[in-house]
Every structure is written in C-alpha cells, then in structure tokens.
C-alpha cells in the first residue's frame, strides 16, 4: 500500500479501543490488509484457517471488529501485487 498515509494509520490506531481487529471501511468495503490485529486472536485465527475458512472478509467478522469509515479514500488502500498492477496505476491516474 504505497499510498497509505501516517494520518490514516493514526486514525485506525486511535479507533482500535478494545477491539480484536480494527480495519478501514471504504465505499469498496472492508480493507483487511491495513489494520490492527490483537495478538489474542492467534488461536482462533489458526482454528478458522485450519477449518478452511480462508477469505479475510469472512474471517474478520468472527472477531470483535471495529470498522473505521474512510470517506474519499480513493487510492489510499491501493495494493500492488505485481508489475501489471503498478503499470495500470501509472496509466490511469498516478
């Protein structure tokens, strides 16, 4: 996530409270790659993965989840998985 800002990280950190997981929520949905995960979820997370529940969108809903709304977060949580993603971003609005 090369476009993430310090302000966004601080906003999440300050909102985590007693939640097990604190994640951003944008118009596109939950952004599980960028968030705070409490160490106490380790065993339950392992059990979910062992049970073949692998989709992060499903996993995070099994915990005490705090979602922090990010309006106008157009590319803030953009993730590049390969060179093609980077090239697409360069072509369409870097």
N, C-alpha and C. Protein backbone atom coordinates (compact mmCIF):
# COMPACT_ATOMS: atom_id res chain seq x y z
N UNK A 1 0.83 -1.17 0.00
CA UNK A 1 0.00 0.00 0.00
C UNK A 1 0.88 1.25 0.00
N UNK A 2 1.41 1.58 -1.14
CA UNK A 2 2.35 2.70 -1.19
C UNK A 2 1.73 4.08 -0.98
N UNK A 3 0.41 4.17 -1.03
CA UNK A 3 -0.23 5.48 -0.90
C UNK A 3 -0.82 5.74 0.48
N UNK A 4 -0.64 4.80 1.39
CA UNK A 4 -1.18 4.96 2.74
C UNK A 4 -0.47 6.13 3.43
N UNK A 5 -1.19 6.82 4.27
CA UNK A 5 -0.62 7.99 4.94
C UNK A 5 -0.47 7.74 6.45
N UNK A 6 0.37 8.53 7.05
CA UNK A 6 0.53 8.47 8.50
C UNK A 6 -0.80 8.80 9.18
N UNK A 7 -1.52 9.75 8.62
CA UNK A 7 -2.81 10.15 9.19
C UNK A 7 -3.80 8.99 9.21
N UNK A 8 -3.81 8.19 8.14
CA UNK A 8 -4.72 7.05 8.08
C UNK A 8 -4.36 6.00 9.13
N UNK A 9 -3.08 5.73 9.29
CA UNK A 9 -2.63 4.77 10.29
C UNK A 9 -2.99 5.27 11.69
N UNK A 10 -2.76 6.54 11.95
CA UNK A 10 -3.10 7.11 13.26
C UNK A 10 -4.60 7.07 13.53
N UNK A 11 -5.40 7.32 12.52
CA UNK A 11 -6.85 7.26 12.67
C UNK A 11 -7.29 5.85 13.08
N UNK A 12 -6.71 4.84 12.46
CA UNK A 12 -7.02 3.45 12.83
C UNK A 12 -6.53 3.15 14.24
N UNK A 13 -5.31 3.54 14.54
CA UNK A 13 -4.73 3.27 15.85
C UNK A 13 -5.57 3.88 16.97
N UNK A 14 -5.99 5.10 16.77
CA UNK A 14 -6.77 5.79 17.80
C UNK A 14 -8.17 5.21 17.95
N UNK A 15 -8.65 4.50 16.94
CA UNK A 15 -10.01 3.94 16.98
C UNK A 15 -10.04 2.49 17.44
N UNK A 16 -8.88 1.87 17.64
CA UNK A 16 -8.87 0.43 17.91
C UNK A 16 -9.51 0.04 19.24
N UNK A 17 -9.46 0.91 20.23
CA UNK A 17 -10.10 0.66 21.54
C UNK A 17 -9.82 -0.75 22.03
N UNK A 18 -10.87 -1.47 22.45
CA UNK A 18 -10.71 -2.83 22.95
C UNK A 18 -11.03 -3.89 21.90
N UNK A 19 -11.14 -3.48 20.66
CA UNK A 19 -11.49 -4.43 19.61
C UNK A 19 -10.34 -5.39 19.34
N UNK A 20 -10.70 -6.57 18.86
CA UNK A 20 -9.68 -7.56 18.50
C UNK A 20 -9.06 -7.20 17.15
N UNK A 21 -9.89 -6.62 16.29
CA UNK A 21 -9.44 -6.21 14.96
C UNK A 21 -10.03 -4.84 14.66
N UNK A 22 -9.21 -3.97 14.12
CA UNK A 22 -9.66 -2.63 13.71
C UNK A 22 -9.23 -2.43 12.26
N UNK A 23 -10.22 -2.22 11.38
CA UNK A 23 -9.95 -2.13 9.95
C UNK A 23 -10.63 -0.92 9.32
N UNK A 24 -10.07 -0.44 8.22
CA UNK A 24 -10.73 0.63 7.48
C UNK A 24 -11.92 0.10 6.68
N UNK A 25 -12.91 0.95 6.53
CA UNK A 25 -14.08 0.66 5.70
C UNK A 25 -14.21 1.78 4.69
N UNK A 26 -14.19 1.42 3.40
CA UNK A 26 -14.33 2.41 2.33
C UNK A 26 -15.59 2.09 1.55
N UNK A 27 -15.87 2.89 0.54
CA UNK A 27 -17.03 2.63 -0.31
C UNK A 27 -16.92 1.28 -1.01
N UNK A 28 -15.71 0.75 -1.11
CA UNK A 28 -15.48 -0.55 -1.73
C UNK A 28 -15.57 -1.70 -0.75
N UNK A 29 -15.71 -1.40 0.55
CA UNK A 29 -15.83 -2.44 1.56
C UNK A 29 -14.69 -2.42 2.57
N UNK A 30 -14.57 -3.54 3.28
CA UNK A 30 -13.53 -3.69 4.31
C UNK A 30 -12.17 -3.84 3.63
N UNK A 31 -11.16 -3.21 4.22
CA UNK A 31 -9.78 -3.29 3.73
C UNK A 31 -8.93 -4.07 4.74
N UNK A 32 -8.93 -5.41 4.70
CA UNK A 32 -8.27 -6.20 5.74
C UNK A 32 -6.74 -6.19 5.70
N UNK A 33 -6.15 -5.70 4.63
CA UNK A 33 -4.69 -5.69 4.55
C UNK A 33 -4.08 -4.63 5.47
N UNK A 34 -4.82 -3.56 5.70
CA UNK A 34 -4.32 -2.45 6.52
C UNK A 34 -5.16 -2.36 7.79
N UNK A 35 -4.61 -2.79 8.89
CA UNK A 35 -5.38 -2.71 10.12
C UNK A 35 -4.57 -3.14 11.32
N UNK A 36 -5.27 -3.18 12.45
CA UNK A 36 -4.66 -3.62 13.70
C UNK A 36 -5.32 -4.91 14.14
N UNK A 37 -4.50 -5.93 14.38
CA UNK A 37 -4.96 -7.25 14.80
C UNK A 37 -4.33 -7.55 16.15
N UNK A 38 -5.16 -7.76 17.17
CA UNK A 38 -4.63 -8.03 18.51
C UNK A 38 -4.02 -9.43 18.55
N UNK A 39 -2.94 -9.58 19.27
CA UNK A 39 -2.24 -10.87 19.37
C UNK A 39 -3.13 -11.97 19.94
N UNK A 40 -4.16 -11.61 20.69
CA UNK A 40 -5.02 -12.61 21.32
C UNK A 40 -5.87 -13.40 20.32
N UNK A 41 -5.91 -12.98 19.07
CA UNK A 41 -6.73 -13.71 18.09
C UNK A 41 -6.00 -14.92 17.50
N UNK A 42 -4.75 -15.09 17.87
CA UNK A 42 -3.89 -16.11 17.28
C UNK A 42 -4.53 -17.50 17.21
N UNK A 43 -5.00 -18.02 18.32
CA UNK A 43 -5.53 -19.39 18.34
C UNK A 43 -6.81 -19.51 17.53
N UNK A 44 -7.73 -18.58 17.72
CA UNK A 44 -8.99 -18.63 16.99
C UNK A 44 -8.75 -18.47 15.49
N UNK A 45 -7.83 -17.60 15.12
CA UNK A 45 -7.49 -17.42 13.72
C UNK A 45 -6.93 -18.70 13.12
N UNK A 46 -6.04 -19.35 13.87
CA UNK A 46 -5.48 -20.62 13.41
C UNK A 46 -6.56 -21.67 13.22
N UNK A 47 -7.52 -21.73 14.13
CA UNK A 47 -8.62 -22.69 14.01
C UNK A 47 -9.47 -22.41 12.78
N UNK A 48 -9.73 -21.15 12.51
CA UNK A 48 -10.51 -20.79 11.32
C UNK A 48 -9.79 -21.20 10.05
N UNK A 49 -8.50 -20.93 10.00
CA UNK A 49 -7.71 -21.30 8.83
C UNK A 49 -7.67 -22.82 8.69
N UNK A 50 -7.49 -23.51 9.80
CA UNK A 50 -7.47 -24.98 9.78
C UNK A 50 -8.82 -25.54 9.31
N UNK A 51 -9.89 -24.81 9.57
CA UNK A 51 -11.24 -25.22 9.13
C UNK A 51 -11.50 -24.81 7.69
N UNK A 52 -10.47 -24.34 7.01
CA UNK A 52 -10.54 -23.94 5.60
C UNK A 52 -11.37 -22.68 5.37
N UNK A 53 -11.48 -21.85 6.40
CA UNK A 53 -12.08 -20.52 6.23
C UNK A 53 -10.91 -19.59 5.95
N UNK A 54 -10.76 -19.22 4.70
CA UNK A 54 -9.56 -18.50 4.28
C UNK A 54 -9.83 -17.09 3.77
N UNK A 55 -11.06 -16.77 3.47
CA UNK A 55 -11.38 -15.44 2.95
C UNK A 55 -11.38 -14.43 4.09
N UNK A 56 -10.51 -13.44 3.99
CA UNK A 56 -10.37 -12.46 5.06
C UNK A 56 -11.67 -11.73 5.37
N UNK A 57 -12.48 -11.49 4.35
CA UNK A 57 -13.76 -10.82 4.56
C UNK A 57 -14.65 -11.62 5.51
N UNK A 58 -14.53 -12.94 5.50
CA UNK A 58 -15.30 -13.80 6.41
C UNK A 58 -14.60 -13.94 7.76
N UNK A 59 -13.31 -14.10 7.73
CA UNK A 59 -12.54 -14.30 8.97
C UNK A 59 -12.72 -13.13 9.94
N UNK A 60 -12.58 -11.91 9.45
CA UNK A 60 -12.61 -10.76 10.36
C UNK A 60 -13.95 -10.60 11.05
N UNK A 61 -15.01 -11.09 10.44
CA UNK A 61 -16.35 -10.97 11.03
C UNK A 61 -16.56 -11.94 12.19
N UNK A 62 -15.61 -12.85 12.41
CA UNK A 62 -15.68 -13.80 13.52
C UNK A 62 -15.10 -13.22 14.81
N UNK A 63 -14.63 -11.99 14.76
CA UNK A 63 -13.98 -11.36 15.90
C UNK A 63 -14.70 -10.07 16.30
N UNK A 64 -14.31 -9.53 17.44
CA UNK A 64 -14.78 -8.22 17.87
C UNK A 64 -14.13 -7.20 16.94
N UNK A 65 -14.89 -6.75 15.97
CA UNK A 65 -14.37 -5.96 14.86
C UNK A 65 -14.82 -4.51 14.96
N UNK A 66 -13.88 -3.61 14.84
CA UNK A 66 -14.19 -2.18 14.79
C UNK A 66 -13.85 -1.69 13.38
N UNK A 67 -14.86 -1.19 12.67
CA UNK A 67 -14.65 -0.66 11.33
C UNK A 67 -14.61 0.86 11.40
N UNK A 68 -13.60 1.43 10.78
CA UNK A 68 -13.41 2.88 10.78
C UNK A 68 -13.66 3.37 9.36
N UNK A 69 -14.65 4.24 9.23
CA UNK A 69 -15.02 4.74 7.90
C UNK A 69 -13.98 5.72 7.37
N UNK A 70 -13.64 5.51 6.11
CA UNK A 70 -12.74 6.40 5.39
C UNK A 70 -13.48 6.87 4.14
N UNK A 71 -13.98 8.10 4.21
CA UNK A 71 -14.62 8.70 3.04
C UNK A 71 -13.54 9.27 2.14
N UNK A 72 -13.80 9.26 0.86
CA UNK A 72 -12.86 9.84 -0.11
C UNK A 72 -11.47 9.20 -0.03
N UNK A 73 -11.44 7.91 0.17
CA UNK A 73 -10.15 7.19 0.27
C UNK A 73 -9.84 6.53 -1.07
N UNK A 74 -10.01 7.29 -2.13
CA UNK A 74 -9.93 6.78 -3.50
C UNK A 74 -8.85 5.72 -3.70
N UNK A 75 -7.60 6.06 -3.51
CA UNK A 75 -6.50 5.12 -3.74
C UNK A 75 -5.68 4.86 -2.49
N UNK A 76 -6.17 5.31 -1.35
CA UNK A 76 -5.39 5.24 -0.11
C UNK A 76 -4.95 3.81 0.22
N UNK A 77 -5.83 2.84 -0.01
CA UNK A 77 -5.53 1.45 0.36
C UNK A 77 -5.19 0.59 -0.86
N UNK A 78 -4.81 1.24 -1.93
CA UNK A 78 -4.44 0.54 -3.15
C UNK A 78 -3.24 -0.36 -2.89
N UNK A 79 -3.31 -1.57 -3.41
CA UNK A 79 -2.25 -2.55 -3.21
C UNK A 79 -1.74 -3.02 -4.56
N UNK A 80 -0.44 -3.05 -4.72
CA UNK A 80 0.15 -3.55 -5.95
C UNK A 80 0.65 -4.97 -5.71
N UNK A 81 0.09 -5.92 -6.43
CA UNK A 81 0.50 -7.32 -6.26
C UNK A 81 1.53 -7.75 -7.29
N UNK A 82 1.63 -7.00 -8.37
CA UNK A 82 2.58 -7.36 -9.42
C UNK A 82 2.88 -6.13 -10.28
N UNK A 83 3.77 -6.29 -11.23
CA UNK A 83 4.18 -5.17 -12.07
C UNK A 83 3.01 -4.65 -12.91
N UNK A 84 2.11 -5.54 -13.32
CA UNK A 84 0.95 -5.12 -14.11
C UNK A 84 0.07 -4.15 -13.32
N UNK A 85 -0.10 -4.41 -12.01
CA UNK A 85 -0.87 -3.50 -11.16
C UNK A 85 -0.23 -2.11 -11.13
N UNK A 86 1.07 -2.09 -11.02
CA UNK A 86 1.80 -0.83 -10.99
C UNK A 86 1.64 -0.09 -12.31
N UNK A 87 1.77 -0.81 -13.41
CA UNK A 87 1.64 -0.19 -14.72
C UNK A 87 0.23 0.36 -14.94
N UNK A 88 -0.77 -0.38 -14.50
CA UNK A 88 -2.16 0.08 -14.62
C UNK A 88 -2.35 1.36 -13.84
N UNK A 89 -1.82 1.40 -12.63
CA UNK A 89 -1.93 2.59 -11.80
C UNK A 89 -1.25 3.78 -12.47
N UNK A 90 -0.09 3.55 -13.05
CA UNK A 90 0.64 4.63 -13.73
C UNK A 90 -0.16 5.17 -14.91
N UNK A 91 -0.83 4.27 -15.64
CA UNK A 91 -1.60 4.66 -16.82
C UNK A 91 -2.86 5.44 -16.47
N UNK A 92 -3.50 5.07 -15.35
CA UNK A 92 -4.82 5.61 -15.05
C UNK A 92 -4.89 6.57 -13.88
N UNK A 93 -3.84 7.22 -13.57
CA UNK A 93 -4.04 8.27 -12.60
C UNK A 93 -3.07 8.38 -11.47
N UNK A 94 -1.89 7.91 -11.65
CA UNK A 94 -0.91 8.05 -10.58
C UNK A 94 -0.88 9.48 -10.14
